Protein backbone atom coordinates (compact mmCIF):
# COMPACT_ATOMS: atom_id res chain seq x y z
CA UNK A 1 116.23 104.23 136.38
CA UNK A 2 112.47 103.70 136.60
CA UNK A 3 110.82 100.64 135.02
CA UNK A 4 109.06 102.83 132.44
CA UNK A 5 112.33 104.50 131.45
CA UNK A 6 114.08 101.12 131.23
CA UNK A 7 111.30 99.83 128.94
CA UNK A 8 111.65 102.94 126.77
CA UNK A 9 115.41 102.45 126.44
CA UNK A 10 114.92 98.76 125.61
CA UNK A 11 112.34 99.63 122.97
CA UNK A 12 114.62 102.25 121.41
CA UNK A 13 117.48 99.78 121.18
CA UNK A 14 115.10 97.25 119.63
CA UNK A 15 114.15 99.74 116.92
CA UNK A 16 117.80 100.54 116.24
CA UNK A 17 118.69 96.90 115.76
CA UNK A 18 118.04 95.08 112.54
CA UNK A 19 114.50 94.15 113.52
CA UNK A 20 113.12 96.96 111.35
CA UNK A 21 114.87 95.60 108.28
CA UNK A 22 113.59 92.09 108.98
CA UNK A 23 110.03 93.33 109.43
CA UNK A 24 110.22 95.33 106.21
CA UNK A 25 111.36 92.24 104.30
CA UNK A 26 108.50 90.19 105.75
CA UNK A 27 105.89 92.83 104.91
CA UNK A 28 107.30 93.58 101.47
CA UNK A 29 107.33 89.89 100.62
CA UNK A 30 103.57 89.82 101.11
CA UNK A 31 102.49 93.26 99.92
CA UNK A 32 105.03 93.96 97.15
CA UNK A 33 104.74 97.67 97.87
CA UNK A 34 107.43 99.54 99.79
CA UNK A 35 105.10 102.21 101.18
CA UNK A 36 102.65 99.66 102.53
CA UNK A 37 105.54 97.61 103.95
CA UNK A 38 106.86 100.67 105.79
CA UNK A 39 103.38 101.24 107.23
CA UNK A 40 103.31 97.64 108.45
CA UNK A 41 106.69 98.04 110.16
CA UNK A 42 105.53 101.21 111.88
CA UNK A 43 102.25 99.61 112.97
CA UNK A 44 104.15 96.59 114.32
CA UNK A 45 106.38 98.76 116.50
CA UNK A 46 103.37 100.78 117.69
CA UNK A 47 101.54 97.63 118.77
CA UNK A 48 104.62 96.34 120.58
CA UNK A 49 105.13 99.68 122.30
CA UNK A 50 101.52 99.68 123.53
CA UNK A 51 101.51 96.09 124.79
CA UNK A 52 105.10 95.60 125.93
CA UNK A 53 107.45 92.70 125.28
CA UNK A 54 108.89 91.53 128.59
CA UNK A 55 107.79 87.89 128.48
CA UNK A 56 108.76 87.14 124.86
CA UNK A 57 111.30 84.39 124.27
CA UNK A 58 112.43 84.97 120.67
CA UNK A 59 111.83 88.65 120.06
CA UNK A 60 112.69 88.72 116.35
CA UNK A 61 110.41 85.78 115.56
CA UNK A 62 107.61 87.34 117.60
CA UNK A 63 107.97 90.68 115.79
CA UNK A 64 108.09 88.95 112.40
CA UNK A 65 104.87 87.10 113.24
CA UNK A 66 103.13 90.35 114.16
CA UNK A 67 104.31 92.03 110.94
CA UNK A 68 103.26 88.98 108.91
CA UNK A 69 99.76 89.05 110.35
CA UNK A 70 99.36 92.80 109.84
CA UNK A 71 100.55 92.47 106.23
CA UNK A 72 98.14 89.60 105.58
CA UNK A 73 95.28 91.67 107.03
CA UNK A 74 96.19 94.57 104.74
CA UNK A 75 96.37 92.25 101.74
CA UNK A 76 92.89 90.89 102.51
CA UNK A 77 91.39 94.34 102.98
CA UNK A 78 89.24 95.31 99.96
CA UNK A 79 90.59 98.07 97.80
CA UNK A 80 89.23 101.53 98.50
CA UNK A 81 87.34 103.47 95.88
CA UNK A 82 88.71 106.88 95.03
CA UNK A 83 86.09 109.53 94.28
CA UNK A 84 87.56 112.38 92.26
CA UNK A 85 86.03 115.44 90.66
CA UNK A 86 86.49 116.25 87.00
CA UNK A 87 86.95 119.82 85.77
CA UNK A 88 83.26 120.14 84.93
CA UNK A 89 82.35 119.36 88.53
CA UNK A 90 80.85 115.96 87.79
CA UNK A 91 81.94 113.21 90.09
CA UNK A 92 83.30 109.99 88.74
CA UNK A 93 84.38 106.83 90.49
CA UNK A 94 87.50 104.92 89.67
CA UNK A 95 89.12 101.98 91.41
CA UNK A 96 92.49 102.56 92.92
CA UNK A 97 95.13 100.15 91.70
CA UNK A 98 96.66 97.83 94.29
CA UNK A 99 100.10 99.49 94.03
CA UNK A 100 98.88 103.09 94.27
């Protein structure tokens, strides 16, 4: 088995373990939105996949820290404005609620 294939198998087993559930709980605890929490979990695994995780001592704690930091960054990010058109063609601006 090549080193790249071994890393892929290790990463797949990591995803299958309960790490995803832990990361979701961490992200949801900060964001209080399940969709945003799922996005944080996915982004966490993408970052780990890109950088690798060979020299990590406590993998679950390391993953939870990454998810925590991503969730905090998302919480700090200013809310986006949603520009929508009315039926008459006039544009109006409304703020998107935090949970939308």
